C-alpha atoms as a PDB file:
ATOM      1  CA  MET A   1     -70.130 -27.669  88.105  1.00  0.00           C
ATOM      2  CA  ARG A   2     -72.265 -25.901  84.970  1.00  0.00           C
ATOM      3  CA  LYS A   3     -72.427 -29.033  83.354  1.00  0.00           C
ATOM      4  CA  VAL A   4     -73.955 -30.781  86.608  1.00  0.00           C
ATOM      5  CA  ILE A   5     -76.890 -27.804  87.200  1.00  0.00           C
ATOM      6  CA  ALA A   6     -77.321 -28.253  83.115  1.00  0.00           C
ATOM      7  CA  LYS A   7     -78.168 -31.754  83.651  1.00  0.00           C
ATOM      8  CA  ASP A   8     -80.772 -31.140  86.255  1.00  0.00           C
ATOM      9  CA  LYS A   9     -82.416 -28.713  84.290  1.00  0.00           C
ATOM     10  CA  ILE A  10     -82.649 -30.976  81.445  1.00  0.00           C
ATOM     11  CA  ASN A  11     -84.231 -33.271  83.636  1.00  0.00           C
ATOM     12  CA  GLN A  12     -86.746 -31.310  85.381  1.00  0.00           C
ATOM     13  CA  GLY A  13     -87.732 -29.754  81.897  1.00  0.00           C
ATOM     14  CA  ALA A  14     -88.105 -33.564  80.743  1.00  0.00           C
ATOM     15  CA  ILE A  15     -90.481 -34.039  83.744  1.00  0.00           C
ATOM     16  CA  LEU A  16     -92.631 -31.537  82.876  1.00  0.00           C
ATOM     17  CA  TYR A  17     -92.246 -31.979  78.835  1.00  0.00           C
ATOM     18  CA  ASN A  18     -93.794 -35.686  79.446  1.00  0.00           C
ATOM     19  CA  GLN A  19     -96.499 -33.948  81.621  1.00  0.00           C
ATOM     20  CA  GLY A  20     -97.249 -31.704  78.658  1.00  0.00           C
ATOM     21  CA  ARG A  21     -96.201 -28.714  80.548  1.00  0.00           C
ATOM     22  CA  MET A  22     -94.198 -27.085  77.559  1.00  0.00           C
ATOM     23  CA  LYS A  23     -93.733 -23.689  78.204  1.00  0.00           C
ATOM     24  CA  GLU A  24     -92.214 -24.766  82.042  1.00  0.00           C
ATOM     25  CA  ALA A  25     -89.911 -27.056  80.359  1.00  0.00           C
ATOM     26  CA  GLN A  26     -89.172 -25.100  77.908  1.00  0.00           C
ATOM     27  CA  GLU A  27     -87.913 -22.066  80.244  1.00  0.00           C
ATOM     28  CA  PHE A  28     -85.818 -25.715  81.597  1.00  0.00           C
ATOM     29  CA  PHE A  29     -84.320 -26.259  78.452  1.00  0.00           C
ATOM     30  CA  LYS A  30     -83.382 -22.765  77.521  1.00  0.00           C
ATOM     31  CA  GLU A  31     -81.573 -22.379  80.792  1.00  0.00           C
ATOM     32  CA  ALA A  32     -79.733 -25.235  80.598  1.00  0.00           C
ATOM     33  CA  LYS A  33     -78.367 -24.507  77.055  1.00  0.00           C
ATOM     34  CA  GLU A  34     -77.092 -20.998  78.427  1.00  0.00           C
ATOM     35  CA  THR A  35     -75.978 -22.710  81.403  1.00  0.00           C
ATOM     36  CA  ASP A  36     -73.983 -25.441  79.459  1.00  0.00           C
ATOM     37  CA  GLY A  37     -73.739 -24.603  75.653  1.00  0.00           C
ATOM     38  CA  THR A  38     -71.944 -28.130  74.581  1.00  0.00           C
ATOM     39  CA  ASN A  39     -74.740 -30.267  75.858  1.00  0.00           C
ATOM     40  CA  PRO A  40     -76.671 -31.365  72.876  1.00  0.00           C
ATOM     41  CA  ILE A  41     -79.601 -32.824  74.677  1.00  0.00           C
ATOM     42  CA  ALA A  42     -80.594 -29.443  75.808  1.00  0.00           C
ATOM     43  CA  PHE A  43     -80.507 -28.069  72.638  1.00  0.00           C
ATOM     44  CA  LEU A  44     -82.921 -30.882  71.471  1.00  0.00           C
ATOM     45  CA  TYR A  45     -85.499 -30.640  73.852  1.00  0.00           C
ATOM     46  CA  TYR A  46     -85.612 -27.104  73.682  1.00  0.00           C
ATOM     47  CA  GLY A  47     -85.928 -27.706  69.924  1.00  0.00           C
ATOM     48  CA  ALA A  48     -88.740 -30.034  70.260  1.00  0.00           C
ATOM     49  CA  THR A  49     -90.693 -27.168  72.102  1.00  0.00           C
ATOM     50  CA  LEU A  50     -90.205 -24.735  69.668  1.00  0.00           C
ATOM     51  CA  VAL A  51     -91.616 -27.683  67.313  1.00  0.00           C
ATOM     52  CA  LYS A  52     -94.470 -27.579  69.340  1.00  0.00           C
ATOM     53  CA  ASP A  53     -94.996 -24.007  69.473  1.00  0.00           C
ATOM     54  CA  TYR A  54     -94.510 -23.078  65.909  1.00  0.00           C
ATOM     55  CA  LYS A  55     -97.201 -26.122  64.699  1.00  0.00           C
ATOM     56  CA  THR A  56    -100.110 -23.784  66.534  1.00  0.00           C
ATOM     57  CA  LEU A  57     -99.211 -20.470  65.334  1.00  0.00           C
ATOM     58  CA  ALA A  58     -99.725 -19.033  61.253  1.00  0.00           C
ATOM     59  CA  GLY A  59     -98.179 -16.901  58.726  1.00  0.00           C
ATOM     60  CA  ASP A  60     -95.321 -14.903  59.836  1.00  0.00           C
ATOM     61  CA  GLU A  61     -94.969 -15.710  63.443  1.00  0.00           C
ATOM     62  CA  ARG A  62     -94.975 -19.549  62.790  1.00  0.00           C
ATOM     63  CA  THR A  63     -92.041 -19.357  60.149  1.00  0.00           C
ATOM     64  CA  LYS A  64     -90.550 -17.105  62.505  1.00  0.00           C
ATOM     65  CA  VAL A  65     -90.700 -19.623  65.194  1.00  0.00           C
ATOM     66  CA  ALA A  66     -89.864 -22.594  62.860  1.00  0.00           C
ATOM     67  CA  ASN A  67     -86.789 -21.090  61.820  1.00  0.00           C
ATOM     68  CA  GLN A  68     -85.660 -20.496  65.445  1.00  0.00           C
ATOM     69  CA  ALA A  69     -86.270 -23.955  65.822  1.00  0.00           C
ATOM     70  CA  LEU A  70     -83.957 -24.723  62.531  1.00  0.00           C
ATOM     71  CA  ASP A  71     -81.116 -23.111  64.135  1.00  0.00           C
ATOM     72  CA  VAL A  72     -81.481 -24.965  67.243  1.00  0.00           C
ATOM     73  CA  TYR A  73     -81.277 -28.359  65.845  1.00  0.00           C
ATOM     74  CA  LYS A  74     -78.250 -27.105  63.638  1.00  0.00           C
ATOM     75  CA  GLN A  75     -76.541 -26.079  66.779  1.00  0.00           C
ATOM     76  CA  ALA A  76     -77.709 -29.665  68.390  1.00  0.00           C
ATOM     77  CA  LEU A  77     -76.014 -31.401  65.427  1.00  0.00           C
ATOM     78  CA  GLU A  78     -73.095 -29.380  65.337  1.00  0.00           C
ATOM     79  CA  LEU A  79     -72.358 -30.101  69.182  1.00  0.00           C
ATOM     80  CA  ALA A  80     -73.496 -34.048  68.492  1.00  0.00           C
ATOM     81  CA  ALA A  81     -69.824 -35.091  66.786  1.00  0.00           C
ATOM     82  CA  ASN A  82     -70.301 -38.822  66.254  1.00  0.00           C
ATOM     83  CA  ASN A  83     -73.073 -39.546  68.565  1.00  0.00           C
ATOM     84  CA  CYS A  84     -75.288 -41.193  65.929  1.00  0.00           C
ATOM     85  CA  ALA A  85     -78.740 -40.822  68.084  1.00  0.00           C
ATOM     86  CA  THR A  86     -78.440 -36.924  68.786  1.00  0.00           C
ATOM     87  CA  ARG A  87     -77.592 -36.575  65.339  1.00  0.00           C
ATOM     88  CA  ASP A  88     -80.273 -39.086  63.866  1.00  0.00           C
ATOM     89  CA  ASN A  89     -82.731 -37.037  66.275  1.00  0.00           C
ATOM     90  CA  ALA A  90     -81.664 -33.458  64.834  1.00  0.00           C
ATOM     91  CA  ILE A  91     -81.441 -34.322  61.515  1.00  0.00           C
ATOM     92  CA  SER A  92     -85.020 -35.876  61.107  1.00  0.00           C
ATOM     93  CA  TYR A  93     -86.477 -33.018  63.311  1.00  0.00           C
ATOM     94  CA  ILE A  94     -84.527 -30.428  60.425  1.00  0.00           C
ATOM     95  CA  SER A  95     -86.476 -32.199  57.476  1.00  0.00           C
ATOM     96  CA  THR A  96     -89.637 -32.673  59.165  1.00  0.00           C
ATOM     97  CA  ILE A  97     -89.470 -28.994  59.876  1.00  0.00           C
ATOM     98  CA  TYR A  98     -88.228 -27.658  56.185  1.00  0.00           C
ATOM     99  CA  ASP A  99     -90.889 -29.887  55.246  1.00  0.00           C
ATOM    100  CA  ASP A 100     -93.365 -27.959  57.575  1.00  0.00           C
ATOM    101  CA  LEU A 101     -92.547 -24.535  55.587  1.00  0.00           C
ATOM    102  CA  ALA A 102     -92.805 -26.124  52.343  1.00  0.00           C
ATOM    103  CA  ASN A 103     -89.119 -26.078  51.221  1.00  0.00           C
ATOM    104  CA  GLU A 104     -89.107 -29.084  49.521  1.00  0.00           C
ATOM    105  CA  GLU A 105     -85.201 -28.671  48.202  1.00  0.00           C
ATOM    106  CA  GLU A 106     -84.310 -28.660  51.527  1.00  0.00           C
ATOM    107  CA  ASN A 107     -86.066 -31.368  53.048  1.00  0.00           C
ATOM    108  CA  ARG A 108     -84.964 -33.633  50.506  1.00  0.00           C
ATOM    109  CA  ASN A 109     -81.287 -32.794  51.030  1.00  0.00           C
ATOM    110  CA  TRP A 110     -81.809 -33.643  55.064  1.00  0.00           C
ATOM    111  CA  LEU A 111     -83.154 -36.546  54.350  1.00  0.00           C
ATOM    112  CA  LEU A 112     -80.633 -37.794  51.916  1.00  0.00           C
ATOM    113  CA  LYS A 113     -78.141 -36.890  54.559  1.00  0.00           C
ATOM    114  CA  ARG A 114     -79.630 -39.219  57.352  1.00  0.00           C
ATOM    115  CA  ALA A 115     -79.766 -41.984  54.913  1.00  0.00           C
ATOM    116  CA  ASP A 116     -76.071 -41.227  54.175  1.00  0.00           C
ATOM    117  CA  PRO A 117     -74.045 -45.044  54.216  1.00  0.00           C
ATOM    118  CA  ASN A 118     -71.067 -42.843  53.943  1.00  0.00           C
ATOM    119  CA  GLY A 119     -71.855 -39.956  56.834  1.00  0.00           C
ATOM    120  CA  PRO A 120     -70.396 -39.922  60.133  1.00  0.00           C
ATOM    121  CA  CYS A 121     -72.868 -42.772  61.111  1.00  0.00           C
ATOM    122  CA  GLN A 122     -73.153 -44.882  58.286  1.00  0.00           C
ATOM    123  CA  ALA A 123     -76.814 -45.082  57.665  1.00  0.00           C
ATOM    124  CA  LYS A 124     -78.238 -48.534  57.978  1.00  0.00           C
ATOM    125  CA  LYS A 125     -79.893 -50.684  55.124  1.00  0.00           C
ATOM    126  CA  GLU A 126     -83.676 -49.781  56.688  1.00  0.00           C
ATOM    127  CA  VAL A 127     -82.784 -46.082  57.160  1.00  0.00           C
ATOM    128  CA  GLN A 128     -81.267 -45.527  53.606  1.00  0.00           C
ATOM    129  CA  ALA A 129     -84.183 -47.682  51.833  1.00  0.00           C
ATOM    130  CA  THR A 130     -87.149 -46.109  53.426  1.00  0.00           C
ATOM    131  CA  THR A 131     -85.872 -42.396  53.169  1.00  0.00           C
ATOM    132  CA  LEU A 132     -85.663 -43.022  49.527  1.00  0.00           C
ATOM    133  CA  TYR A 133     -88.648 -44.561  49.115  1.00  0.00           C
ATOM    134  CA  SER A 134     -90.632 -41.474  51.350  1.00  0.00           C
ATOM    135  CA  ILE A 135     -88.851 -39.162  48.331  1.00  0.00           C
ATOM    136  CA  GLY A 136     -90.098 -41.418  45.709  1.00  0.00           C
ATOM    137  CA  VAL A 137     -93.260 -41.170  47.119  1.00  0.00           C
ATOM    138  CA  LYS A 138     -93.489 -37.646  47.460  1.00  0.00           C
ATOM    139  CA  TYR A 139     -92.349 -37.098  43.729  1.00  0.00           C
ATOM    140  CA  TRP A 140     -95.466 -39.256  42.932  1.00  0.00           C
ATOM    141  CA  THR A 141     -97.461 -36.985  44.754  1.00  0.00           C
ATOM    142  CA  CYS A 142     -96.300 -34.096  42.727  1.00  0.00           C
ATOM    143  CA  SER A 143     -97.884 -35.996  39.538  1.00  0.00           C
ATOM    144  CA  TYR A 144    -100.583 -37.198  40.818  1.00  0.00           C
ATOM    145  CA  ASP A 145    -101.503 -33.883  42.343  1.00  0.00           C
ATOM    146  CA  GLN A 146    -101.263 -32.584  38.347  1.00  0.00           C
ATOM    147  CA  THR A 147    -102.879 -35.240  36.703  1.00  0.00           C
ATOM    148  CA  THR A 148    -106.087 -35.324  38.889  1.00  0.00           C
ATOM    149  CA  ARG A 149    -106.691 -31.813  37.979  1.00  0.00           C
ATOM    150  CA  TYR A 150    -107.147 -33.131  34.740  1.00  0.00           C
ATOM    151  CA  GLN A 151    -108.968 -36.112  34.698  1.00  0.00           C
ATOM    152  CA  ASP A 152    -112.442 -36.452  33.014  1.00  0.00           C
ATOM    153  CA  LYS A 153    -114.939 -37.071  35.390  1.00  0.00           C
ATOM    154  CA  THR A 154    -116.951 -39.316  32.895  1.00  0.00           C
ATOM    155  CA  ALA A 155    -113.904 -41.351  31.481  1.00  0.00           C
ATOM    156  CA  ILE A 156    -112.900 -42.068  35.085  1.00  0.00           C
ATOM    157  CA  ALA A 157    -115.217 -44.065  36.077  1.00  0.00           C
ATOM    158  CA  ARG A 158    -114.351 -46.814  33.284  1.00  0.00           C
ATOM    159  CA  ASP A 159    -110.911 -46.221  33.340  1.00  0.00           C
ATOM    160  CA  PRO A 160    -108.542 -44.744  36.511  1.00  0.00           C
ATOM    161  CA  PHE A 161    -106.046 -44.440  34.349  1.00  0.00           C
ATOM    162  CA  HIS A 162    -107.178 -42.676  31.103  1.00  0.00           C
ATOM    163  CA  TYR A 163    -105.806 -40.182  29.332  1.00  0.00           C
ATOM    164  CA  ARG A 164    -105.602 -36.747  30.777  1.00  0.00           C
ATOM    165  CA  ASN A 165    -105.457 -34.005  28.006  1.00  0.00           C
ATOM    166  CA  MET A 166    -102.348 -32.035  28.930  1.00  0.00           C
ATOM    167  CA  ASP A 167    -101.346 -31.490  25.244  1.00  0.00           C
ATOM    168  CA  TYR A 168    -102.497 -27.808  24.936  1.00  0.00           C
ATOM    169  CA  PRO A 169    -100.537 -24.463  25.798  1.00  0.00           C
ATOM    170  CA  ASP A 170    -101.911 -23.703  28.992  1.00  0.00           C
ATOM    171  CA  ALA A 171    -101.296 -27.183  30.321  1.00  0.00           C
ATOM    172  CA  LEU A 172     -97.887 -28.181  28.785  1.00  0.00           C
ATOM    173  CA  PRO A 173     -95.722 -26.555  31.981  1.00  0.00           C
ATOM    174  CA  ASP A 174     -97.955 -28.274  34.632  1.00  0.00           C
ATOM    175  CA  LYS A 175     -97.587 -31.860  32.289  1.00  0.00           C
ATOM    176  CA  ARG A 176     -93.737 -31.047  32.070  1.00  0.00           C
ATOM    177  CA  LYS A 177     -93.885 -30.650  35.741  1.00  0.00           C
ATOM    178  CA  ALA A 178     -96.061 -33.625  36.227  1.00  0.00           C
ATOM    179  CA  GLU A 179     -93.201 -35.815  33.935  1.00  0.00           C
ATOM    180  CA  GLU A 180     -90.338 -34.470  35.745  1.00  0.00           C
ATOM    181  CA  CYS A 181     -91.554 -36.025  38.931  1.00  0.00           C
ATOM    182  CA  VAL A 182     -92.748 -39.165  37.402  1.00  0.00           C
ATOM    183  CA  THR A 183     -88.804 -39.519  36.402  1.00  0.00           C
ATOM    184  CA  LYS A 184     -87.164 -38.359  39.915  1.00  0.00           C
ATOM    185  CA  GLY A 185     -89.555 -40.755  41.505  1.00  0.00           C
ATOM    186  CA  LEU A 186     -88.953 -43.225  39.497  1.00  0.00           C
ATOM    187  CA  GLU A 187     -84.964 -42.450  40.071  1.00  0.00           C
ATOM    188  CA  TYR A 188     -85.650 -42.618  44.042  1.00  0.00           C
ATOM    189  CA  ILE A 189     -87.866 -45.394  43.939  1.00  0.00           C
ATOM    190  CA  GLU A 190     -85.273 -47.660  41.996  1.00  0.00           C
ATOM    191  CA  LYS A 191     -82.799 -46.643  44.699  1.00  0.00           C
ATOM    192  CA  ALA A 192     -84.814 -47.682  47.579  1.00  0.00           C
ATOM    193  CA  LEU A 193     -85.388 -51.076  45.599  1.00  0.00           C
ATOM    194  CA  SER A 194     -81.390 -51.279  45.102  1.00  0.00           C
ATOM    195  CA  VAL A 195     -80.973 -50.774  48.893  1.00  0.00           C
ATOM    196  CA  ASP A 196     -83.820 -53.538  49.805  1.00  0.00           C
ATOM    197  CA  ASN A 197     -84.914 -55.672  46.303  1.00  0.00           C
ATOM    198  CA  GLU A 198     -88.068 -57.075  48.432  1.00  0.00           C
ATOM    199  CA  TYR A 199     -89.283 -53.517  49.841  1.00  0.00           C
ATOM    200  CA  VAL A 200     -93.244 -54.333  49.217  1.00  0.00           C
ATOM    201  CA  ASP A 201     -94.470 -50.566  49.006  1.00  0.00           C
ATOM    202  CA  ALA A 202     -91.416 -49.329  46.565  1.00  0.00           C
ATOM    203  CA  MET A 203     -92.432 -51.504  44.193  1.00  0.00           C
ATOM    204  CA  PHE A 204     -96.268 -50.199  44.532  1.00  0.00           C
ATOM    205  CA  TYR A 205     -95.570 -46.962  43.887  1.00  0.00           C
ATOM    206  CA  LYS A 206     -92.908 -47.816  41.143  1.00  0.00           C
ATOM    207  CA  GLY A 207     -96.192 -49.853  39.460  1.00  0.00           C
ATOM    208  CA  LEU A 208     -98.277 -46.212  40.698  1.00  0.00           C
ATOM    209  CA  LEU A 209     -95.649 -43.905  39.045  1.00  0.00           C
ATOM    210  CA  TYR A 210     -95.795 -46.251  35.836  1.00  0.00           C
ATOM    211  CA  ARG A 211     -99.205 -45.019  35.795  1.00  0.00           C
ATOM    212  CA  GLU A 212     -99.238 -41.386  36.420  1.00  0.00           C
ATOM    213  CA  ARG A 213     -96.812 -41.707  32.954  1.00  0.00           C
ATOM    214  CA  GLN A 214     -99.848 -44.061  30.886  1.00  0.00           C
ATOM    215  CA  LYS A 215    -102.249 -40.975  32.315  1.00  0.00           C
ATOM    216  CA  MET A 216     -99.865 -38.447  30.436  1.00  0.00           C
ATOM    217  CA  THR A 217     -99.767 -40.741  27.424  1.00  0.00           C
ATOM    218  CA  LYS A 218    -102.195 -40.377  24.003  1.00  0.00           C
ATOM    219  CA  GLU A 219    -100.912 -42.894  22.011  1.00  0.00           C
ATOM    220  CA  GLU A 220    -102.942 -46.398  22.749  1.00  0.00           C
ATOM    221  CA  PRO A 221     -99.894 -48.680  22.003  1.00  0.00           C
ATOM    222  CA  LYS A 222     -97.666 -46.747  24.774  1.00  0.00           C
ATOM    223  CA  ARG A 223    -100.609 -46.769  26.936  1.00  0.00           C
ATOM    224  CA  LYS A 224    -101.003 -50.556  26.478  1.00  0.00           C
ATOM    225  CA  GLU A 225     -97.087 -50.652  27.361  1.00  0.00           C
ATOM    226  CA  LEU A 226     -97.196 -48.983  30.254  1.00  0.00           C
ATOM    227  CA  ASN A 227    -100.487 -50.293  31.573  1.00  0.00           C
ATOM    228  CA  ALA A 228     -98.648 -54.264  31.507  1.00  0.00           C
ATOM    229  CA  MET A 229     -95.486 -52.994  33.073  1.00  0.00           C
ATOM    230  CA  ALA A 230     -97.650 -51.365  36.064  1.00  0.00           C
ATOM    231  CA  GLN A 231     -99.934 -54.407  36.263  1.00  0.00           C
ATOM    232  CA  LYS A 232     -97.098 -56.304  36.471  1.00  0.00           C
ATOM    233  CA  ILE A 233     -95.014 -54.948  38.950  1.00  0.00           C
ATOM    234  CA  ALA A 234     -98.176 -54.819  41.059  1.00  0.00           C
ATOM    235  CA  ASP A 235     -98.981 -58.648  40.362  1.00  0.00           C
ATOM    236  CA  GLU A 236     -95.569 -59.177  41.766  1.00  0.00           C
ATOM    237  CA  ALA A 237     -95.520 -56.678  45.196  1.00  0.00           C
ATOM    238  CA  SER A 238     -98.956 -58.462  45.618  1.00  0.00           C
ATOM    239  CA  ALA A 239     -97.367 -61.425  45.326  1.00  0.00           C
ATOM    240  CA  LEU A 240     -94.395 -60.752  47.457  1.00  0.00           C
ATOM    241  CA  GLN A 241     -96.451 -59.258  50.170  1.00  0.00           C
ATOM    242  CA  LYS A 242     -98.781 -61.934  50.368  1.00  0.00           C
ATOM    243  CA  LYS A 243     -95.562 -64.438  51.050  1.00  0.00           C
ATOM    244  CA  LYS A 244     -94.244 -62.532  53.795  1.00  0.00           C
ATOM    245  CA  GLU A 245     -97.479 -62.672  55.287  1.00  0.00           C
ATOM    246  CA  ALA A 246     -97.558 -65.977  55.174  1.00  0.00           C
ATOM    247  CA  ALA A 247     -94.083 -65.958  56.332  1.00  0.00           C
ATOM    248  CA  ALA A 248     -94.613 -63.925  59.484  1.00  0.00           C
ATOM    249  CA  GLN A 249     -98.082 -66.066  60.207  1.00  0.00           C
ATOM    250  CA  GLN A 250     -95.984 -69.111  60.306  1.00  0.00           C
ATOM    251  CA  GLN A 251     -93.422 -67.495  62.708  1.00  0.00           C
ATOM    252  CA  ALA A 252     -95.831 -66.634  64.525  1.00  0.00           C
ATOM    253  CA  THR A 253     -97.761 -70.034  65.167  1.00  0.00           C
ATOM    254  CA  PRO A 254     -96.645 -72.038  68.287  1.00  0.00           C
ATOM    255  CA  GLN A 255     -94.496 -75.237  66.831  1.00  0.00           C
ATOM    256  CA  GLY A 256     -95.768 -78.617  68.979  1.00  0.00           C
END
């Protein structure tokens, strides 16, 4: 009987949720999980309302509600067993919440759980590739943020990838951070391409990561080498993109 009552509360809450009546929906989901503590769907919905809540907050209160949402989604995950849709929903939210909390390590750990080909639900190749790619892009952003701080506004007009002087003592920690991010970024982009070797966006970012390395390199021969590598990758990615677009267009054209 409790399971039936809980399902009814979930259904009522879902109607309100879809109408944008979050606070009312939240009460139904809260009651549902308290009525039947074994139903992961009640926890998923309740967690979603908490996410809506913390996104409107700031400071300590935002962090507090975000951590409540984390706890709820982790409970949903425990209850999900081998229900892959529920597991994927919970893990996706957990990784997003950690991202919102600026906890890069936990965000990355949970993204990788979602993309695990050997996990309980054996992530599909598309999920594996896009997840690995997204981590690689975050590492590119990490480097780009550092190198942009050291760009020369007069030099950038003639060469957007000009040498950034990050070799003096005060700048070295930033350079080391950027170099580490490039190395890790290439690692994850290569993993994405090993899953899908025609992943155009991953190819483009591979080239962009070499551009980051070029920005931090002073020696001209090495800069030319990195420039050639980055350009070659970008050209290959562009050619593959055009090929895919042409194939898609041909497939969409009605055959007479």
